[in-house]
Structure formats: structure tokens, C-alpha cells
Amino acid sequence: MTEAVYYILLALIEPKHGYGIMQQTSELSGGRLSLSAGTLYGALASLQEKGWIEPLPEEGRKKEYRITERGVQVLREEITRLEELVKNGKALLTLQ
């Protein structure tokens, strides 16, 4: 999973529209990740195809998205994977 996808899924724990997702991913990453509209909407289309997110019924101009149960499961699995990476890295560098 890319860093962008990880942060998009985290941002969608609460439903958001595209601009809100871009703001939150930047905030969560400490400004390190700045998504362009093209990158974001390409990722949103891919995540919808995988069943990890879904659009909410449209109420007004801004389309909102939310994470699905499958998306939450995938996000939890990714967090577990990342924790293992950090644990192994610390063990080998004796930073425990």
C-alpha cells in the first residue's frame, strides 16, 4: 500500500469530499504528503473498484466518500504490517 492510499483511507474514517481528503492527508503526514487533484481522484477511483471506499449519496455539489468495512480491514492489516517493519528495524539496529 502506498503512503498516499494509507493516508486517504485514514482520512475517510469520517466521510469527506475531495478537498477535505487533501487537507487531512497533508495534516496527518505533517505536510510531507501533498496530493494533487489528479492523483487523488485516480486513487479514489481505484479504491472504489477494490471496494475499500464508497461514495455517499450526493447532497449538493461536493461528492463525499467514506471507508467501507473491507477498507477498515485492509487498513488494520496495513498497520500491523507497518508495526512489524518498525519492530524488525529497531531490533536489528538495537534501538529497543
N, C-alpha and C. Protein backbone atom coordinates (compact mmCIF):
# COMPACT_ATOMS: atom_id res chain seq x y z
N MET A 1 0.85 -1.17 0.00
CA MET A 1 0.00 0.00 0.00
C MET A 1 0.90 1.24 0.00
N THR A 2 0.58 2.18 -0.85
CA THR A 2 1.37 3.40 -0.89
C THR A 2 1.01 4.29 0.30
N GLU A 3 1.91 5.22 0.58
CA GLU A 3 1.66 6.17 1.67
C GLU A 3 0.40 6.99 1.38
N ALA A 4 0.21 7.38 0.12
CA ALA A 4 -0.97 8.17 -0.25
C ALA A 4 -2.25 7.40 0.03
N VAL A 5 -2.31 6.14 -0.38
CA VAL A 5 -3.51 5.32 -0.15
C VAL A 5 -3.75 5.14 1.35
N TYR A 6 -2.68 4.90 2.10
CA TYR A 6 -2.79 4.75 3.56
C TYR A 6 -3.45 5.99 4.17
N TYR A 7 -2.95 7.16 3.82
CA TYR A 7 -3.50 8.39 4.40
C TYR A 7 -4.89 8.71 3.89
N ILE A 8 -5.19 8.37 2.65
CA ILE A 8 -6.56 8.57 2.14
C ILE A 8 -7.54 7.71 2.93
N LEU A 9 -7.19 6.45 3.16
CA LEU A 9 -8.07 5.58 3.95
C LEU A 9 -8.24 6.11 5.37
N LEU A 10 -7.15 6.56 5.98
CA LEU A 10 -7.27 7.14 7.32
C LEU A 10 -8.18 8.36 7.32
N ALA A 11 -8.01 9.20 6.32
CA ALA A 11 -8.82 10.42 6.24
C ALA A 11 -10.31 10.10 6.11
N LEU A 12 -10.62 8.97 5.49
CA LEU A 12 -12.02 8.62 5.23
C LEU A 12 -12.69 7.84 6.36
N ILE A 13 -12.04 7.76 7.51
CA ILE A 13 -12.72 7.21 8.68
C ILE A 13 -13.98 8.04 8.95
N GLU A 14 -13.86 9.35 8.70
CA GLU A 14 -15.02 10.25 8.72
C GLU A 14 -15.28 10.65 7.26
N PRO A 15 -16.52 10.62 6.79
CA PRO A 15 -16.80 10.97 5.39
C PRO A 15 -16.26 12.36 5.04
N LYS A 16 -15.70 12.45 3.83
CA LYS A 16 -15.14 13.71 3.36
C LYS A 16 -15.28 13.83 1.85
N HIS A 17 -15.21 15.07 1.39
CA HIS A 17 -15.14 15.35 -0.05
C HIS A 17 -13.66 15.47 -0.42
N GLY A 18 -13.39 15.57 -1.71
CA GLY A 18 -12.02 15.56 -2.20
C GLY A 18 -11.09 16.56 -1.55
N TYR A 19 -11.53 17.82 -1.45
CA TYR A 19 -10.67 18.84 -0.86
C TYR A 19 -10.39 18.53 0.61
N GLY A 20 -11.40 18.05 1.33
CA GLY A 20 -11.20 17.67 2.73
C GLY A 20 -10.20 16.54 2.88
N ILE A 21 -10.22 15.59 1.94
CA ILE A 21 -9.26 14.48 1.96
C ILE A 21 -7.86 15.03 1.74
N MET A 22 -7.70 15.94 0.78
CA MET A 22 -6.38 16.52 0.51
C MET A 22 -5.85 17.26 1.73
N GLN A 23 -6.72 18.01 2.40
CA GLN A 23 -6.30 18.74 3.60
C GLN A 23 -5.88 17.79 4.72
N GLN A 24 -6.68 16.76 4.95
CA GLN A 24 -6.39 15.86 6.07
C GLN A 24 -5.15 15.02 5.81
N THR A 25 -4.95 14.57 4.58
CA THR A 25 -3.74 13.78 4.30
C THR A 25 -2.50 14.62 4.52
N SER A 26 -2.55 15.88 4.15
CA SER A 26 -1.42 16.78 4.39
C SER A 26 -1.20 16.97 5.89
N GLU A 27 -2.28 17.17 6.61
CA GLU A 27 -2.20 17.37 8.06
C GLU A 27 -1.65 16.12 8.76
N LEU A 28 -2.20 14.95 8.43
CA LEU A 28 -1.77 13.71 9.07
C LEU A 28 -0.30 13.39 8.80
N SER A 29 0.18 13.76 7.62
CA SER A 29 1.57 13.46 7.25
C SER A 29 2.53 14.57 7.64
N GLY A 30 2.06 15.54 8.39
CA GLY A 30 2.92 16.64 8.79
C GLY A 30 3.37 17.49 7.60
N GLY A 31 2.55 17.54 6.55
CA GLY A 31 2.85 18.32 5.38
C GLY A 31 3.73 17.61 4.36
N ARG A 32 4.17 16.42 4.67
CA ARG A 32 5.04 15.66 3.77
C ARG A 32 4.32 15.21 2.51
N LEU A 33 3.04 14.91 2.64
CA LEU A 33 2.25 14.40 1.52
C LEU A 33 1.27 15.47 1.05
N SER A 34 1.43 15.90 -0.18
CA SER A 34 0.55 16.89 -0.77
C SER A 34 -0.03 16.28 -2.05
N LEU A 35 -1.29 15.90 -2.00
CA LEU A 35 -1.93 15.23 -3.14
C LEU A 35 -2.45 16.25 -4.15
N SER A 36 -2.17 16.01 -5.41
CA SER A 36 -2.79 16.82 -6.46
C SER A 36 -4.18 16.25 -6.71
N ALA A 37 -5.03 17.05 -7.34
CA ALA A 37 -6.39 16.59 -7.63
C ALA A 37 -6.36 15.34 -8.52
N GLY A 38 -5.49 15.33 -9.51
CA GLY A 38 -5.40 14.17 -10.41
C GLY A 38 -5.01 12.90 -9.68
N THR A 39 -4.02 13.00 -8.80
CA THR A 39 -3.58 11.84 -8.01
C THR A 39 -4.71 11.37 -7.10
N LEU A 40 -5.35 12.32 -6.44
CA LEU A 40 -6.42 11.96 -5.50
C LEU A 40 -7.57 11.26 -6.21
N TYR A 41 -8.06 11.84 -7.30
CA TYR A 41 -9.24 11.26 -7.94
C TYR A 41 -8.92 9.94 -8.64
N GLY A 42 -7.69 9.77 -9.09
CA GLY A 42 -7.27 8.47 -9.62
C GLY A 42 -7.26 7.42 -8.51
N ALA A 43 -6.74 7.81 -7.34
CA ALA A 43 -6.71 6.89 -6.20
C ALA A 43 -8.13 6.57 -5.73
N LEU A 44 -9.00 7.57 -5.67
CA LEU A 44 -10.38 7.32 -5.24
C LEU A 44 -11.08 6.34 -6.17
N ALA A 45 -10.87 6.47 -7.47
CA ALA A 45 -11.48 5.54 -8.42
C ALA A 45 -10.97 4.12 -8.18
N SER A 46 -9.66 3.99 -7.98
CA SER A 46 -9.06 2.67 -7.73
C SER A 46 -9.57 2.07 -6.42
N LEU A 47 -9.67 2.88 -5.38
CA LEU A 47 -10.14 2.39 -4.08
C LEU A 47 -11.61 1.97 -4.15
N GLN A 48 -12.40 2.67 -4.96
CA GLN A 48 -13.80 2.27 -5.15
C GLN A 48 -13.88 0.93 -5.86
N GLU A 49 -13.05 0.74 -6.88
CA GLU A 49 -13.04 -0.53 -7.62
C GLU A 49 -12.69 -1.69 -6.70
N LYS A 50 -11.79 -1.46 -5.75
CA LYS A 50 -11.38 -2.51 -4.81
C LYS A 50 -12.42 -2.74 -3.71
N GLY A 51 -13.37 -1.82 -3.59
CA GLY A 51 -14.38 -1.95 -2.55
C GLY A 51 -13.92 -1.44 -1.20
N TRP A 52 -12.86 -0.63 -1.18
CA TRP A 52 -12.32 -0.13 0.08
C TRP A 52 -12.97 1.17 0.52
N ILE A 53 -13.54 1.91 -0.43
CA ILE A 53 -14.28 3.13 -0.11
C ILE A 53 -15.54 3.14 -0.97
N GLU A 54 -16.47 4.03 -0.60
CA GLU A 54 -17.69 4.17 -1.38
C GLU A 54 -18.15 5.62 -1.33
N PRO A 55 -18.77 6.08 -2.41
CA PRO A 55 -19.33 7.44 -2.39
C PRO A 55 -20.62 7.44 -1.58
N LEU A 56 -20.88 8.54 -0.93
CA LEU A 56 -22.15 8.71 -0.23
C LEU A 56 -23.17 9.26 -1.22
N PRO A 57 -24.46 9.06 -0.94
CA PRO A 57 -25.47 9.67 -1.82
C PRO A 57 -25.22 11.18 -1.90
N GLU A 58 -25.27 11.71 -3.11
CA GLU A 58 -24.94 13.12 -3.32
C GLU A 58 -26.00 14.04 -2.75
N GLU A 59 -25.54 15.00 -1.98
CA GLU A 59 -26.39 16.05 -1.43
C GLU A 59 -25.69 17.37 -1.72
N GLY A 60 -25.94 17.93 -2.85
CA GLY A 60 -25.26 19.17 -3.21
C GLY A 60 -24.15 18.89 -4.22
N ARG A 61 -23.24 19.84 -4.34
CA ARG A 61 -22.21 19.78 -5.38
C ARG A 61 -21.05 18.87 -5.02
N LYS A 62 -20.70 18.78 -3.76
CA LYS A 62 -19.50 18.05 -3.37
C LYS A 62 -19.78 16.58 -3.09
N LYS A 63 -19.08 15.72 -3.82
CA LYS A 63 -19.23 14.28 -3.65
C LYS A 63 -18.39 13.85 -2.44
N GLU A 64 -19.01 13.17 -1.49
CA GLU A 64 -18.30 12.69 -0.31
C GLU A 64 -18.09 11.19 -0.41
N TYR A 65 -17.03 10.74 0.25
CA TYR A 65 -16.65 9.33 0.27
C TYR A 65 -16.49 8.89 1.72
N ARG A 66 -16.60 7.57 1.92
CA ARG A 66 -16.32 7.00 3.25
C ARG A 66 -15.65 5.64 3.05
N ILE A 67 -14.94 5.22 4.05
CA ILE A 67 -14.28 3.92 4.03
C ILE A 67 -15.33 2.83 4.28
N THR A 68 -15.15 1.69 3.64
CA THR A 68 -16.06 0.55 3.83
C THR A 68 -15.49 -0.37 4.92
N GLU A 69 -16.27 -1.36 5.31
CA GLU A 69 -15.78 -2.35 6.29
C GLU A 69 -14.53 -3.06 5.75
N ARG A 70 -14.55 -3.39 4.46
CA ARG A 70 -13.38 -4.03 3.83
C ARG A 70 -12.18 -3.08 3.88
N GLY A 71 -12.42 -1.81 3.65
CA GLY A 71 -11.35 -0.82 3.73
C GLY A 71 -10.76 -0.73 5.12
N VAL A 72 -11.60 -0.78 6.14
CA VAL A 72 -11.12 -0.76 7.53
C VAL A 72 -10.27 -1.99 7.79
N GLN A 73 -10.71 -3.14 7.31
CA GLN A 73 -9.96 -4.39 7.49
C GLN A 73 -8.58 -4.28 6.83
N VAL A 74 -8.54 -3.78 5.60
CA VAL A 74 -7.28 -3.62 4.87
C VAL A 74 -6.37 -2.63 5.61
N LEU A 75 -6.94 -1.55 6.12
CA LEU A 75 -6.16 -0.55 6.86
C LEU A 75 -5.57 -1.17 8.13
N ARG A 76 -6.35 -1.95 8.84
CA ARG A 76 -5.82 -2.62 10.05
C ARG A 76 -4.68 -3.58 9.70
N GLU A 77 -4.83 -4.32 8.60
CA GLU A 77 -3.77 -5.23 8.17
C GLU A 77 -2.50 -4.47 7.81
N GLU A 78 -2.66 -3.31 7.19
CA GLU A 78 -1.50 -2.49 6.83
C GLU A 78 -0.81 -1.94 8.07
N ILE A 79 -1.57 -1.53 9.06
CA ILE A 79 -0.98 -1.03 10.31
C ILE A 79 -0.18 -2.14 10.98
N THR A 80 -0.72 -3.35 10.99
CA THR A 80 0.01 -4.49 11.55
C THR A 80 1.31 -4.73 10.79
N ARG A 81 1.25 -4.65 9.47
CA ARG A 81 2.45 -4.83 8.64
C ARG A 81 3.50 -3.76 8.94
N LEU A 82 3.04 -2.52 9.06
CA LEU A 82 3.96 -1.42 9.34
C LEU A 82 4.59 -1.56 10.73
N GLU A 83 3.79 -2.00 11.70
CA GLU A 83 4.33 -2.22 13.04
C GLU A 83 5.42 -3.29 13.03
N GLU A 84 5.23 -4.33 12.23
CA GLU A 84 6.23 -5.39 12.11
C GLU A 84 7.52 -4.84 11.49
N LEU A 85 7.38 -4.01 10.48
CA LEU A 85 8.55 -3.40 9.85
C LEU A 85 9.35 -2.58 10.85
N VAL A 86 8.66 -1.77 11.63
CA VAL A 86 9.33 -0.94 12.63
C VAL A 86 9.99 -1.81 13.70
N LYS A 87 9.27 -2.82 14.17
CA LYS A 87 9.82 -3.72 15.20
C LYS A 87 11.09 -4.39 14.71
N ASN A 88 11.06 -4.92 13.49
CA ASN A 88 12.24 -5.59 12.95
C ASN A 88 13.40 -4.62 12.74
N GLY A 89 13.09 -3.43 12.27
CA GLY A 89 14.14 -2.42 12.07
C GLY A 89 14.79 -2.03 13.39
N LYS A 90 13.97 -1.80 14.40
CA LYS A 90 14.51 -1.44 15.71
C LYS A 90 15.34 -2.57 16.30
N ALA A 91 14.87 -3.79 16.14
CA ALA A 91 15.61 -4.94 16.68
C ALA A 91 16.99 -5.05 16.04
N LEU A 92 17.05 -4.87 14.74
CA LEU A 92 18.33 -5.00 14.06
C LEU A 92 19.25 -3.83 14.32
N LEU A 93 18.69 -2.68 14.60
CA LEU A 93 19.51 -1.51 14.90
C LEU A 93 19.73 -1.33 16.40
N THR A 94 19.24 -2.27 17.18
CA THR A 94 19.32 -2.26 18.65
C THR A 94 18.87 -0.93 19.23
N LEU A 95 17.73 -0.45 18.75
CA LEU A 95 17.16 0.79 19.28
C LEU A 95 16.03 0.53 20.26
N GLN A 96 15.89 -0.68 20.70
CA GLN A 96 14.77 -1.03 21.57
C GLN A 96 14.84 -0.31 22.89
